[in-house]
């Protein structure tokens, strides 16, 4: 039992930050991301004995995160709210982050999931096209096309943003 606990603690220590960052990019809400990460590591603890290759741990955890996120929608019951009672999100709460970082997050969030997810796997985790294809159960050519289109869409959004700033300042 102690050996399993040591393996688990090493797993959490090594990958917690990356797994949280990935969950956050998927859901764009830190409290939901924390819940997903907690469930991910709980499931990892329960099936730690099934992890034979330690080199595959990060991919294994990312798969668990993706499944936990999907489970969230399976059991989700939407509440009806009066729109007049709903506060509008205040962008100033992100003031502690750098402007460039929050702007990039906003631009990434503007991408559709099919383009955002492979790009995040490449940017955050440094996965190759083949690794991303394996992670997402897609053809490598599909992944490469989505990465190409995602980068082009980001470039276009950044270009339009620069034009708007230039018009506002000029």
Protein backbone atom coordinates (compact mmCIF):
# COMPACT_ATOMS: atom_id res chain seq x y z
CA UNK A 1 0.00 0.00 0.00
CA UNK A 2 2.87 2.38 0.77
CA UNK A 3 4.36 1.77 -2.66
CA UNK A 4 1.05 2.70 -4.29
CA UNK A 5 0.84 5.85 -2.17
CA UNK A 6 4.37 6.87 -3.14
CA UNK A 7 3.59 6.33 -6.84
CA UNK A 8 0.41 8.35 -6.48
CA UNK A 9 2.10 11.22 -4.65
CA UNK A 10 4.83 11.33 -7.29
CA UNK A 11 2.14 11.39 -9.99
CA UNK A 12 0.25 14.26 -8.34
CA UNK A 13 3.43 16.21 -7.68
CA UNK A 14 4.67 15.82 -11.24
CA UNK A 15 1.46 16.52 -13.15
CA UNK A 16 -1.01 18.44 -11.00
CA UNK A 17 -0.18 21.88 -12.44
CA UNK A 18 -0.33 20.68 -16.07
CA UNK A 19 -3.55 18.76 -15.51
CA UNK A 20 -5.18 21.75 -13.83
CA UNK A 21 -4.07 24.06 -16.65
CA UNK A 22 -5.52 21.67 -19.23
CA UNK A 23 -8.81 21.35 -17.33
CA UNK A 24 -8.99 25.13 -17.00
CA UNK A 25 -8.53 25.62 -20.74
CA UNK A 26 -11.31 23.08 -21.36
CA UNK A 27 -13.89 24.61 -19.03
CA UNK A 28 -12.67 28.23 -18.55
CA UNK A 29 -13.72 28.21 -14.88
CA UNK A 30 -11.18 27.61 -12.13
CA UNK A 31 -13.62 26.12 -9.60
CA UNK A 32 -15.00 23.63 -12.14
CA UNK A 33 -11.45 22.87 -13.27
CA UNK A 34 -10.49 22.16 -9.64
CA UNK A 35 -13.42 19.76 -9.32
CA UNK A 36 -12.45 17.98 -12.53
CA UNK A 37 -8.83 17.69 -11.41
CA UNK A 38 -9.90 16.34 -8.03
CA UNK A 39 -12.10 13.72 -9.69
CA UNK A 40 -9.30 12.93 -12.13
CA UNK A 41 -6.81 12.21 -9.38
CA UNK A 42 -9.40 10.24 -7.41
CA UNK A 43 -9.98 8.02 -10.45
CA UNK A 44 -6.22 7.82 -10.96
CA UNK A 45 -5.80 6.59 -7.38
CA UNK A 46 -8.46 3.94 -7.86
CA UNK A 47 -6.92 2.57 -11.03
CA UNK A 48 -3.26 3.32 -10.39
CA UNK A 49 -2.44 -0.37 -10.64
CA UNK A 50 -3.57 -0.34 -14.28
CA UNK A 51 -0.85 2.21 -15.14
CA UNK A 52 2.02 -0.03 -16.19
CA UNK A 53 4.17 2.46 -18.10
CA UNK A 54 5.10 5.55 -16.05
CA UNK A 55 6.00 7.38 -19.28
CA UNK A 56 2.34 7.24 -20.32
CA UNK A 57 1.13 8.84 -17.06
CA UNK A 58 0.52 12.30 -18.49
CA UNK A 59 -1.48 10.97 -21.45
CA UNK A 60 -3.39 8.70 -19.10
CA UNK A 61 -4.29 11.63 -16.84
CA UNK A 62 -5.31 13.82 -19.79
CA UNK A 63 -7.63 11.07 -20.97
CA UNK A 64 -9.18 10.92 -17.51
CA UNK A 65 -9.62 14.73 -17.52
CA UNK A 66 -11.39 14.61 -20.88
CA UNK A 67 -13.70 11.85 -19.67
CA UNK A 68 -14.43 13.67 -16.41
CA UNK A 69 -15.33 16.78 -18.37
CA UNK A 70 -17.67 14.71 -20.55
CA UNK A 71 -19.25 13.14 -17.44
CA UNK A 72 -19.97 16.63 -16.17
CA UNK A 73 -22.36 17.17 -19.08
CA UNK A 74 -23.95 13.75 -18.72
CA UNK A 75 -25.12 14.49 -15.22
CA UNK A 76 -25.63 18.23 -15.58
CA UNK A 77 -29.06 19.61 -14.77
CA UNK A 78 -29.48 23.10 -16.10
CA UNK A 79 -31.01 25.56 -13.69
CA UNK A 80 -33.35 28.24 -14.91
CA UNK A 81 -32.30 31.71 -13.83
CA UNK A 82 -33.81 35.10 -14.27
CA UNK A 83 -31.44 37.02 -16.54
CA UNK A 84 -32.08 40.21 -14.58
CA UNK A 85 -30.69 38.56 -11.43
CA UNK A 86 -27.52 37.32 -13.12
CA UNK A 87 -24.48 39.52 -12.53
CA UNK A 88 -22.31 40.37 -15.50
CA UNK A 89 -18.77 39.02 -15.28
CA UNK A 90 -16.27 41.69 -14.36
CA UNK A 91 -13.14 41.51 -16.51
CA UNK A 92 -11.13 43.39 -13.86
CA UNK A 93 -10.96 40.24 -11.71
CA UNK A 94 -8.21 39.05 -14.07
CA UNK A 95 -6.04 42.07 -13.27
CA UNK A 96 -3.34 39.98 -11.57
CA UNK A 97 -2.58 38.25 -14.87
CA UNK A 98 -0.57 39.93 -17.52
CA UNK A 99 -2.54 41.60 -20.29
CA UNK A 100 -0.95 39.44 -22.96
CA UNK A 101 -1.70 36.20 -21.12
CA UNK A 102 -5.35 37.03 -20.57
CA UNK A 103 -5.70 38.27 -24.13
CA UNK A 104 -4.26 35.02 -25.47
CA UNK A 105 -6.66 33.05 -23.29
CA UNK A 106 -9.53 35.08 -24.69
CA UNK A 107 -8.39 34.45 -28.23
CA UNK A 108 -7.97 30.73 -27.56
CA UNK A 109 -11.44 30.64 -26.03
CA UNK A 110 -12.75 32.15 -29.26
CA UNK A 111 -11.68 29.07 -31.17
CA UNK A 112 -14.12 26.20 -31.52
CA UNK A 113 -13.33 23.13 -29.39
CA UNK A 114 -12.25 21.10 -32.41
CA UNK A 115 -9.44 23.61 -33.06
CA UNK A 116 -8.74 24.75 -29.49
CA UNK A 117 -8.17 21.31 -27.97
CA UNK A 118 -5.38 20.10 -30.30
CA UNK A 119 -3.70 23.50 -30.15
CA UNK A 120 -3.70 23.48 -26.34
CA UNK A 121 -2.29 19.95 -26.30
CA UNK A 122 0.49 21.14 -28.58
CA UNK A 123 1.19 24.44 -26.80
CA UNK A 124 0.86 23.36 -23.17
CA UNK A 125 2.12 19.81 -23.31
CA UNK A 126 4.35 19.90 -26.36
CA UNK A 127 2.63 16.91 -27.93
CA UNK A 128 3.43 16.01 -31.50
CA UNK A 129 0.76 15.61 -34.15
CA UNK A 130 0.83 11.84 -33.72
CA UNK A 131 0.47 12.08 -29.94
CA UNK A 132 -2.44 14.51 -30.27
CA UNK A 133 -4.09 12.22 -32.82
CA UNK A 134 -3.76 9.31 -30.41
CA UNK A 135 -5.09 11.40 -27.50
CA UNK A 136 -8.14 12.62 -29.42
CA UNK A 137 -8.71 9.42 -31.43
CA UNK A 138 -8.27 11.25 -34.72
CA UNK A 139 -6.28 10.78 -37.89
CA UNK A 140 -2.90 12.56 -37.80
CA UNK A 141 -3.74 14.49 -40.98
CA UNK A 142 -6.95 15.72 -39.37
CA UNK A 143 -4.97 16.92 -36.36
CA UNK A 144 -2.42 18.69 -38.52
CA UNK A 145 -5.19 20.40 -40.49
CA UNK A 146 -6.90 21.52 -37.29
CA UNK A 147 -3.63 22.87 -35.89
CA UNK A 148 -2.99 24.77 -39.11
CA UNK A 149 -6.50 26.24 -39.12
CA UNK A 150 -6.35 27.09 -35.42
CA UNK A 151 -3.10 29.03 -35.86
CA UNK A 152 -4.55 30.84 -38.89
CA UNK A 153 -7.70 31.75 -36.99
CA UNK A 154 -5.62 33.08 -34.08
CA UNK A 155 -3.49 35.10 -36.49
CA UNK A 156 -6.62 36.58 -38.09
CA UNK A 157 -8.14 37.43 -34.70
CA UNK A 158 -4.91 39.11 -33.60
CA UNK A 159 -4.72 41.05 -36.86
CA UNK A 160 -8.31 42.30 -36.51
CA UNK A 161 -7.63 43.23 -32.89
CA UNK A 162 -4.59 45.27 -33.93
CA UNK A 163 -6.63 47.11 -36.56
CA UNK A 164 -9.32 47.97 -33.99
CA UNK A 165 -6.70 49.26 -31.55
CA UNK A 166 -5.08 51.31 -34.30
CA UNK A 167 -8.40 52.92 -35.19
CA UNK A 168 -9.13 53.68 -31.53
CA UNK A 169 -5.70 55.22 -30.98
CA UNK A 170 -5.40 57.00 -34.30
